[in-house]
Amino acid sequence: MKGLMLVLTMISGTSFASTLFQLPPPPALVGVGIAGRLACVGVGFNADDSIYGACHTATSTPCSGKGCQPTTYTTNYIVTWDAAGNPTGSTGCSVVRHHLPQADQTTYLNGHSAADCPGVVFNPTGAVVIINGAPYYYVTTDAVTGAELVNSNAAGFLYLP
């Protein structure tokens, strides 16, 4: 039976050595904001195969009474991971104040701007790929290693085919 499995694997070209794992948030961001309102995504690969991306945390002010709209602050961070997906750093780059019915107000921090502080975007390319039978939003592929960055609608992942 083992021989048959090996032959079928070789014929189909299927590889069972691929790895998909979530890009963890930097330790400094864990516990910041509202539980469940921390998200991180990879954006691209650096020349040394490390990963750059974004995270955000959200906090809200207390609110009570009928029709109350709490003020929510989303803090965006520029984040880096090493080639294996371990977090190596984070820098706050903007705070977005959201309070209906007012328009969102963005304040950029530490000399950052919209050009280098994209915030968390789960589906930047509009493309979907299937990995292990599940759909993910495709972000980019490292031309040297073949590693891919993909996102769910809640988190970023590193896929090592």
N, C-alpha and C. Protein backbone atom coordinates (compact mmCIF):
# COMPACT_ATOMS: atom_id res chain seq x y z
N MET A 1 0.82 -1.20 0.00
CA MET A 1 0.00 0.00 0.00
C MET A 1 0.86 1.26 0.00
N LYS A 2 1.98 1.25 0.77
CA LYS A 2 2.85 2.41 0.82
C LYS A 2 3.44 2.69 -0.56
N GLY A 3 3.79 1.61 -1.29
CA GLY A 3 4.33 1.77 -2.63
C GLY A 3 3.33 2.42 -3.56
N LEU A 4 2.05 2.04 -3.45
CA LEU A 4 1.00 2.60 -4.27
C LEU A 4 0.83 4.09 -3.97
N MET A 5 0.86 4.46 -2.69
CA MET A 5 0.74 5.87 -2.30
C MET A 5 1.90 6.68 -2.88
N LEU A 6 3.13 6.13 -2.83
CA LEU A 6 4.29 6.82 -3.35
C LEU A 6 4.16 7.02 -4.86
N VAL A 7 3.73 5.99 -5.56
CA VAL A 7 3.57 6.09 -7.01
C VAL A 7 2.49 7.11 -7.36
N LEU A 8 1.37 7.09 -6.65
CA LEU A 8 0.30 8.04 -6.92
C LEU A 8 0.76 9.47 -6.63
N THR A 9 1.55 9.65 -5.58
CA THR A 9 2.07 10.97 -5.25
C THR A 9 3.01 11.45 -6.35
N MET A 10 3.88 10.58 -6.82
CA MET A 10 4.82 10.95 -7.86
C MET A 10 4.09 11.27 -9.16
N ILE A 11 3.05 10.53 -9.49
CA ILE A 11 2.31 10.74 -10.73
C ILE A 11 1.52 12.05 -10.66
N SER A 12 0.90 12.31 -9.52
CA SER A 12 0.06 13.51 -9.42
C SER A 12 0.88 14.76 -9.23
N GLY A 13 2.13 14.63 -8.82
CA GLY A 13 2.97 15.80 -8.58
C GLY A 13 2.62 16.52 -7.30
N THR A 14 1.83 15.90 -6.45
CA THR A 14 1.41 16.52 -5.20
C THR A 14 2.56 16.51 -4.22
N SER A 15 2.76 17.66 -3.55
CA SER A 15 3.78 17.75 -2.53
C SER A 15 3.11 17.94 -1.18
N PHE A 16 3.56 17.20 -0.20
CA PHE A 16 2.97 17.31 1.13
C PHE A 16 3.88 18.06 2.09
N ALA A 17 4.87 18.76 1.55
CA ALA A 17 5.83 19.46 2.39
C ALA A 17 5.50 20.94 2.55
N SER A 18 4.38 21.41 2.01
CA SER A 18 4.05 22.82 2.11
C SER A 18 3.62 23.19 3.52
N THR A 19 3.82 24.45 3.86
CA THR A 19 3.50 24.94 5.20
C THR A 19 2.75 26.26 5.08
N LEU A 20 1.68 26.40 5.84
CA LEU A 20 0.91 27.64 5.91
C LEU A 20 0.79 28.01 7.37
N PHE A 21 1.29 29.20 7.72
CA PHE A 21 1.09 29.60 9.11
C PHE A 21 0.83 31.10 9.20
N GLN A 22 0.09 31.46 10.23
CA GLN A 22 -0.31 32.85 10.45
C GLN A 22 0.88 33.69 10.86
N LEU A 23 0.97 34.89 10.30
CA LEU A 23 2.00 35.84 10.72
C LEU A 23 1.59 36.38 12.09
N PRO A 24 2.38 36.09 13.12
CA PRO A 24 1.97 36.52 14.47
C PRO A 24 2.20 38.02 14.66
N PRO A 25 1.40 38.64 15.51
CA PRO A 25 1.63 40.05 15.80
C PRO A 25 2.89 40.22 16.64
N PRO A 26 3.57 41.35 16.52
CA PRO A 26 4.71 41.62 17.40
C PRO A 26 4.26 41.60 18.86
N PRO A 27 5.09 41.09 19.76
CA PRO A 27 4.70 41.01 21.17
C PRO A 27 4.23 42.34 21.76
N ALA A 28 4.79 43.46 21.29
CA ALA A 28 4.40 44.76 21.84
C ALA A 28 2.94 45.11 21.56
N LEU A 29 2.33 44.46 20.56
CA LEU A 29 0.94 44.78 20.22
C LEU A 29 -0.07 43.84 20.87
N VAL A 30 0.38 42.74 21.41
CA VAL A 30 -0.54 41.78 22.04
C VAL A 30 -1.11 42.40 23.31
N GLY A 31 -2.42 42.38 23.43
CA GLY A 31 -3.07 42.96 24.60
C GLY A 31 -3.42 44.42 24.45
N VAL A 32 -3.08 45.03 23.28
CA VAL A 32 -3.41 46.42 23.02
C VAL A 32 -4.77 46.46 22.34
N GLY A 33 -5.63 47.32 22.79
CA GLY A 33 -6.93 47.47 22.12
C GLY A 33 -7.94 46.45 22.59
N ILE A 34 -8.97 46.31 21.80
CA ILE A 34 -10.10 45.44 22.10
C ILE A 34 -9.76 44.02 21.67
N ALA A 35 -10.06 43.05 22.50
CA ALA A 35 -9.81 41.65 22.13
C ALA A 35 -10.46 41.36 20.79
N GLY A 36 -9.74 40.72 19.92
CA GLY A 36 -10.26 40.40 18.61
C GLY A 36 -10.14 41.52 17.60
N ARG A 37 -9.60 42.65 18.00
CA ARG A 37 -9.45 43.79 17.10
C ARG A 37 -7.98 44.07 16.82
N LEU A 38 -7.19 43.02 16.75
CA LEU A 38 -5.79 43.11 16.36
C LEU A 38 -5.64 42.25 15.12
N ALA A 39 -5.16 42.84 14.05
CA ALA A 39 -4.97 42.09 12.80
C ALA A 39 -3.66 42.48 12.17
N CYS A 40 -2.99 41.50 11.56
CA CYS A 40 -1.73 41.74 10.86
C CYS A 40 -1.75 41.07 9.50
N VAL A 41 -1.17 41.73 8.51
CA VAL A 41 -1.06 41.16 7.16
C VAL A 41 0.31 41.47 6.59
N GLY A 42 0.82 40.54 5.78
CA GLY A 42 2.04 40.79 5.05
C GLY A 42 1.72 41.60 3.80
N VAL A 43 2.65 42.46 3.41
CA VAL A 43 2.46 43.29 2.23
C VAL A 43 3.45 42.91 1.13
N GLY A 44 4.68 42.56 1.53
CA GLY A 44 5.69 42.23 0.53
C GLY A 44 6.93 41.64 1.16
N PHE A 45 7.89 41.32 0.29
CA PHE A 45 9.17 40.74 0.72
C PHE A 45 10.28 41.75 0.50
N ASN A 46 11.22 41.82 1.44
CA ASN A 46 12.42 42.64 1.30
C ASN A 46 13.47 41.84 0.54
N ALA A 47 14.57 42.49 0.15
CA ALA A 47 15.63 41.84 -0.60
C ALA A 47 16.24 40.65 0.14
N ASP A 48 16.23 40.69 1.48
CA ASP A 48 16.79 39.59 2.28
C ASP A 48 15.75 38.52 2.61
N ASP A 49 14.63 38.53 1.91
CA ASP A 49 13.52 37.58 2.08
C ASP A 49 12.71 37.80 3.35
N SER A 50 13.05 38.83 4.15
CA SER A 50 12.21 39.16 5.29
C SER A 50 10.91 39.76 4.76
N ILE A 51 9.95 39.92 5.63
CA ILE A 51 8.59 40.32 5.23
C ILE A 51 8.28 41.67 5.85
N TYR A 52 7.65 42.54 5.08
CA TYR A 52 7.13 43.78 5.64
C TYR A 52 5.62 43.78 5.49
N GLY A 53 4.96 44.46 6.43
CA GLY A 53 3.50 44.44 6.40
C GLY A 53 2.91 45.47 7.33
N ALA A 54 1.69 45.22 7.75
CA ALA A 54 0.95 46.16 8.57
C ALA A 54 0.13 45.42 9.61
N CYS A 55 -0.06 46.05 10.74
CA CYS A 55 -0.97 45.57 11.77
C CYS A 55 -1.84 46.75 12.19
N HIS A 56 -2.98 46.44 12.79
CA HIS A 56 -3.75 47.50 13.43
C HIS A 56 -4.38 46.98 14.71
N THR A 57 -4.57 47.90 15.63
CA THR A 57 -5.30 47.63 16.87
C THR A 57 -6.44 48.64 16.94
N ALA A 58 -7.49 48.29 17.67
CA ALA A 58 -8.62 49.20 17.80
C ALA A 58 -9.02 49.33 19.26
N THR A 59 -9.34 50.54 19.65
CA THR A 59 -9.86 50.82 20.98
C THR A 59 -11.11 51.69 20.80
N SER A 60 -12.01 51.61 21.75
CA SER A 60 -13.23 52.42 21.69
C SER A 60 -13.47 53.09 23.02
N THR A 61 -14.09 54.26 22.97
CA THR A 61 -14.44 54.97 24.19
C THR A 61 -15.73 54.40 24.74
N PRO A 62 -15.96 54.54 26.06
CA PRO A 62 -17.22 54.06 26.63
C PRO A 62 -18.40 54.81 26.01
N CYS A 63 -19.51 54.14 25.97
CA CYS A 63 -20.69 54.73 25.36
C CYS A 63 -21.92 54.13 26.02
N SER A 64 -22.91 54.94 26.29
CA SER A 64 -24.14 54.40 26.86
C SER A 64 -25.33 55.21 26.36
N GLY A 65 -26.46 54.62 26.47
CA GLY A 65 -27.68 55.31 26.05
C GLY A 65 -28.13 54.89 24.67
N LYS A 66 -29.39 55.07 24.43
CA LYS A 66 -29.98 54.68 23.17
C LYS A 66 -29.37 55.47 22.01
N GLY A 67 -28.92 54.77 20.99
CA GLY A 67 -28.36 55.41 19.81
C GLY A 67 -26.94 55.92 19.96
N CYS A 68 -26.30 55.59 21.06
CA CYS A 68 -24.93 56.05 21.29
C CYS A 68 -23.99 55.44 20.26
N GLN A 69 -23.12 56.25 19.70
CA GLN A 69 -22.10 55.79 18.75
C GLN A 69 -20.74 56.00 19.39
N PRO A 70 -20.05 54.92 19.81
CA PRO A 70 -18.75 55.09 20.45
C PRO A 70 -17.70 55.60 19.46
N THR A 71 -16.73 56.31 19.97
CA THR A 71 -15.60 56.74 19.15
C THR A 71 -14.59 55.61 19.15
N THR A 72 -14.16 55.20 17.96
CA THR A 72 -13.19 54.12 17.82
C THR A 72 -11.89 54.69 17.25
N TYR A 73 -10.78 54.27 17.84
CA TYR A 73 -9.47 54.67 17.36
C TYR A 73 -8.75 53.43 16.85
N THR A 74 -8.37 53.44 15.57
CA THR A 74 -7.61 52.36 14.98
C THR A 74 -6.19 52.85 14.79
N THR A 75 -5.24 52.18 15.44
CA THR A 75 -3.83 52.53 15.31
C THR A 75 -3.18 51.58 14.31
N ASN A 76 -2.58 52.14 13.27
CA ASN A 76 -1.90 51.35 12.25
C ASN A 76 -0.41 51.30 12.53
N TYR A 77 0.20 50.16 12.25
CA TYR A 77 1.62 49.95 12.50
C TYR A 77 2.30 49.41 11.23
N ILE A 78 3.53 49.81 11.02
CA ILE A 78 4.39 49.19 10.02
C ILE A 78 5.12 48.07 10.76
N VAL A 79 5.08 46.86 10.21
CA VAL A 79 5.60 45.69 10.92
C VAL A 79 6.57 44.92 10.03
N THR A 80 7.54 44.27 10.65
CA THR A 80 8.46 43.40 9.91
C THR A 80 8.52 42.03 10.57
N TRP A 81 8.74 41.03 9.73
CA TRP A 81 8.95 39.65 10.18
C TRP A 81 10.20 39.13 9.48
N ASP A 82 10.91 38.18 10.09
CA ASP A 82 12.04 37.58 9.40
C ASP A 82 11.52 36.61 8.33
N ALA A 83 12.43 35.98 7.59
CA ALA A 83 12.02 35.11 6.48
C ALA A 83 11.20 33.91 6.95
N ALA A 84 11.30 33.55 8.23
CA ALA A 84 10.54 32.43 8.77
C ALA A 84 9.18 32.87 9.34
N GLY A 85 8.90 34.19 9.31
CA GLY A 85 7.62 34.69 9.80
C GLY A 85 7.61 35.09 11.26
N ASN A 86 8.78 35.21 11.89
CA ASN A 86 8.85 35.66 13.28
C ASN A 86 8.89 37.19 13.32
N PRO A 87 8.06 37.83 14.17
CA PRO A 87 8.04 39.29 14.20
C PRO A 87 9.38 39.86 14.67
N THR A 88 9.82 40.93 13.99
CA THR A 88 11.09 41.56 14.35
C THR A 88 10.95 43.02 14.73
N GLY A 89 9.80 43.63 14.46
CA GLY A 89 9.64 45.02 14.85
C GLY A 89 8.31 45.61 14.43
N SER A 90 7.96 46.72 15.07
CA SER A 90 6.74 47.44 14.72
C SER A 90 6.90 48.90 15.09
N THR A 91 6.31 49.77 14.28
CA THR A 91 6.34 51.21 14.51
C THR A 91 4.95 51.77 14.22
N GLY A 92 4.41 52.50 15.17
CA GLY A 92 3.12 53.14 14.93
C GLY A 92 3.25 54.18 13.84
N CYS A 93 2.31 54.19 12.89
CA CYS A 93 2.41 55.17 11.79
C CYS A 93 1.18 56.04 11.62
N SER A 94 0.02 55.63 12.13
CA SER A 94 -1.15 56.50 12.05
C SER A 94 -2.21 56.07 13.04
N VAL A 95 -3.08 57.02 13.35
CA VAL A 95 -4.27 56.75 14.18
C VAL A 95 -5.47 57.29 13.41
N VAL A 96 -6.48 56.44 13.25
CA VAL A 96 -7.71 56.85 12.56
C VAL A 96 -8.83 56.95 13.59
N ARG A 97 -9.43 58.12 13.70
CA ARG A 97 -10.56 58.35 14.59
C ARG A 97 -11.83 58.16 13.80
N HIS A 98 -12.70 57.26 14.29
CA HIS A 98 -13.97 56.97 13.61
C HIS A 98 -15.11 57.23 14.60
N HIS A 99 -15.97 58.18 14.24
CA HIS A 99 -17.12 58.49 15.09
C HIS A 99 -18.26 58.95 14.19
N LEU A 100 -19.22 58.04 13.98
CA LEU A 100 -20.36 58.38 13.14
C LEU A 100 -21.17 59.51 13.75
N PRO A 101 -21.71 60.41 12.97
CA PRO A 101 -21.76 60.47 11.52
C PRO A 101 -20.60 61.24 10.91
N GLN A 102 -19.59 61.60 11.67
CA GLN A 102 -18.46 62.37 11.15
C GLN A 102 -17.59 61.52 10.23
N ALA A 103 -16.87 62.18 9.36
CA ALA A 103 -15.90 61.49 8.49
C ALA A 103 -14.70 61.05 9.34
N ASP A 104 -14.07 59.95 8.94
CA ASP A 104 -12.87 59.49 9.64
C ASP A 104 -11.79 60.57 9.60
N GLN A 105 -11.02 60.67 10.68
CA GLN A 105 -9.91 61.62 10.77
C GLN A 105 -8.63 60.83 10.98
N THR A 106 -7.66 60.97 10.09
CA THR A 106 -6.39 60.25 10.18
C THR A 106 -5.29 61.20 10.60
N THR A 107 -4.53 60.79 11.62
CA THR A 107 -3.37 61.54 12.07
C THR A 107 -2.14 60.65 11.86
N TYR A 108 -1.18 61.13 11.08
CA TYR A 108 0.04 60.35 10.83
C TYR A 108 1.07 60.65 11.91
N LEU A 109 1.79 59.61 12.32
CA LEU A 109 2.74 59.69 13.42
C LEU A 109 4.18 59.59 12.93
N ASN A 110 5.09 60.16 13.67
CA ASN A 110 6.53 59.97 13.47
C ASN A 110 6.99 60.24 12.04
N GLY A 111 6.41 61.24 11.37
CA GLY A 111 6.84 61.59 10.03
C GLY A 111 6.31 60.68 8.93
N HIS A 112 5.40 59.77 9.24
CA HIS A 112 4.84 58.87 8.24
C HIS A 112 3.72 59.57 7.46
N SER A 113 3.36 58.97 6.34
CA SER A 113 2.30 59.51 5.49
C SER A 113 1.51 58.34 4.89
N ALA A 114 0.52 58.66 4.09
CA ALA A 114 -0.28 57.62 3.45
C ALA A 114 0.58 56.75 2.53
N ALA A 115 1.69 57.29 2.05
CA ALA A 115 2.56 56.54 1.13
C ALA A 115 3.24 55.35 1.79
N ASP A 116 3.58 55.46 3.08
CA ASP A 116 4.29 54.35 3.74
C ASP A 116 3.51 53.75 4.91
N CYS A 117 2.26 54.16 5.07
CA CYS A 117 1.43 53.65 6.15
C CYS A 117 0.09 53.20 5.57
N PRO A 118 0.09 52.05 4.88
CA PRO A 118 -1.11 51.64 4.15
C PRO A 118 -2.26 51.14 5.02
N GLY A 119 -1.96 50.77 6.25
CA GLY A 119 -2.98 50.15 7.06
C GLY A 119 -3.19 48.71 6.61
N VAL A 120 -4.12 48.02 7.23
CA VAL A 120 -4.37 46.61 6.95
C VAL A 120 -5.36 46.50 5.79
N VAL A 121 -4.92 45.86 4.71
CA VAL A 121 -5.77 45.61 3.55
C VAL A 121 -5.76 44.10 3.32
N PHE A 122 -6.90 43.45 3.48
CA PHE A 122 -6.95 41.99 3.40
C PHE A 122 -6.91 41.47 1.96
N ASN A 123 -7.46 42.20 1.01
CA ASN A 123 -7.51 41.72 -0.37
C ASN A 123 -6.92 42.77 -1.31
N PRO A 124 -5.59 42.96 -1.30
CA PRO A 124 -4.99 44.03 -2.08
C PRO A 124 -4.96 43.79 -3.59
N THR A 125 -5.00 42.54 -4.04
CA THR A 125 -4.88 42.25 -5.47
C THR A 125 -6.19 41.84 -6.12
N GLY A 126 -7.18 41.47 -5.32
CA GLY A 126 -8.44 40.99 -5.87
C GLY A 126 -8.38 39.54 -6.32
N ALA A 127 -7.23 38.88 -6.15
CA ALA A 127 -7.07 37.49 -6.59
C ALA A 127 -7.25 36.54 -5.41
N VAL A 128 -7.81 35.37 -5.69
CA VAL A 128 -8.02 34.35 -4.67
C VAL A 128 -7.26 33.09 -5.09
N VAL A 129 -6.58 32.47 -4.13
CA VAL A 129 -5.89 31.20 -4.36
C VAL A 129 -6.46 30.16 -3.40
N ILE A 130 -6.36 28.90 -3.77
CA ILE A 130 -6.83 27.81 -2.91
C ILE A 130 -5.60 27.11 -2.35
N ILE A 131 -5.52 27.06 -1.02
CA ILE A 131 -4.43 26.37 -0.33
C ILE A 131 -5.05 25.36 0.61
N ASN A 132 -4.68 24.11 0.46
CA ASN A 132 -5.22 23.03 1.29
C ASN A 132 -6.74 23.04 1.30
N GLY A 133 -7.34 23.37 0.15
CA GLY A 133 -8.79 23.33 0.01
C GLY A 133 -9.52 24.56 0.51
N ALA A 134 -8.80 25.57 1.01
CA ALA A 134 -9.45 26.77 1.54
C ALA A 134 -9.05 28.00 0.71
N PRO A 135 -9.96 28.95 0.52
CA PRO A 135 -9.63 30.15 -0.26
C PRO A 135 -8.88 31.18 0.59
N TYR A 136 -7.91 31.82 -0.03
CA TYR A 136 -7.14 32.90 0.59
C TYR A 136 -6.98 34.01 -0.44
N TYR A 137 -6.88 35.25 0.04
CA TYR A 137 -6.58 36.37 -0.85
C TYR A 137 -5.08 36.36 -1.14
N TYR A 138 -4.72 36.37 -2.41
CA TYR A 138 -3.32 36.39 -2.81
C TYR A 138 -2.76 37.79 -2.64
N VAL A 139 -1.53 37.89 -2.08
CA VAL A 139 -0.87 39.18 -1.91
C VAL A 139 0.33 39.28 -2.86
N THR A 140 1.32 38.40 -2.67
CA THR A 140 2.52 38.45 -3.51
C THR A 140 3.34 37.18 -3.33
N THR A 141 4.31 36.98 -4.22
CA THR A 141 5.22 35.83 -4.16
C THR A 141 6.65 36.32 -4.14
N ASP A 142 7.49 35.74 -3.31
CA ASP A 142 8.93 36.03 -3.30
C ASP A 142 9.55 35.35 -4.51
N ALA A 143 10.11 36.12 -5.43
CA ALA A 143 10.65 35.58 -6.68
C ALA A 143 11.84 34.64 -6.44
N VAL A 144 12.54 34.80 -5.33
CA VAL A 144 13.72 33.98 -5.06
C VAL A 144 13.33 32.66 -4.38
N THR A 145 12.53 32.72 -3.33
CA THR A 145 12.22 31.53 -2.54
C THR A 145 10.92 30.84 -2.96
N GLY A 146 10.03 31.55 -3.64
CA GLY A 146 8.72 30.99 -3.99
C GLY A 146 7.71 31.08 -2.86
N ALA A 147 8.11 31.64 -1.72
CA ALA A 147 7.17 31.82 -0.60
C ALA A 147 6.08 32.80 -1.03
N GLU A 148 4.88 32.61 -0.50
CA GLU A 148 3.76 33.48 -0.83
C GLU A 148 3.18 34.12 0.43
N LEU A 149 2.69 35.32 0.27
CA LEU A 149 1.91 35.97 1.31
C LEU A 149 0.46 35.91 0.88
N VAL A 150 -0.41 35.41 1.76
CA VAL A 150 -1.84 35.32 1.51
C VAL A 150 -2.57 35.78 2.76
N ASN A 151 -3.82 36.18 2.60
CA ASN A 151 -4.61 36.65 3.73
C ASN A 151 -5.97 35.97 3.75
N SER A 152 -6.50 35.78 4.96
CA SER A 152 -7.91 35.45 5.10
C SER A 152 -8.62 36.79 5.23
N ASN A 153 -9.84 36.81 5.66
CA ASN A 153 -10.50 38.09 5.89
C ASN A 153 -10.26 38.59 7.31
N ALA A 154 -9.30 37.96 8.01
CA ALA A 154 -9.02 38.38 9.37
C ALA A 154 -7.54 38.36 9.74
N ALA A 155 -6.67 37.76 8.91
CA ALA A 155 -5.26 37.63 9.28
C ALA A 155 -4.41 37.38 8.04
N GLY A 156 -3.09 37.58 8.20
CA GLY A 156 -2.13 37.33 7.14
C GLY A 156 -1.38 36.04 7.39
N PHE A 157 -0.96 35.38 6.31
CA PHE A 157 -0.28 34.08 6.40
C PHE A 157 0.93 34.05 5.48
N LEU A 158 1.91 33.25 5.87
CA LEU A 158 3.06 32.94 5.04
C LEU A 158 2.88 31.51 4.57
N TYR A 159 2.93 31.32 3.24
CA TYR A 159 2.78 29.99 2.64
C TYR A 159 4.10 29.60 2.02
N LEU A 160 4.63 28.47 2.48
CA LEU A 160 5.89 27.94 1.95
C LEU A 160 5.55 26.67 1.17
N PRO A 161 5.44 26.79 -0.17
CA PRO A 161 5.05 25.63 -0.96
C PRO A 161 6.13 24.54 -0.99
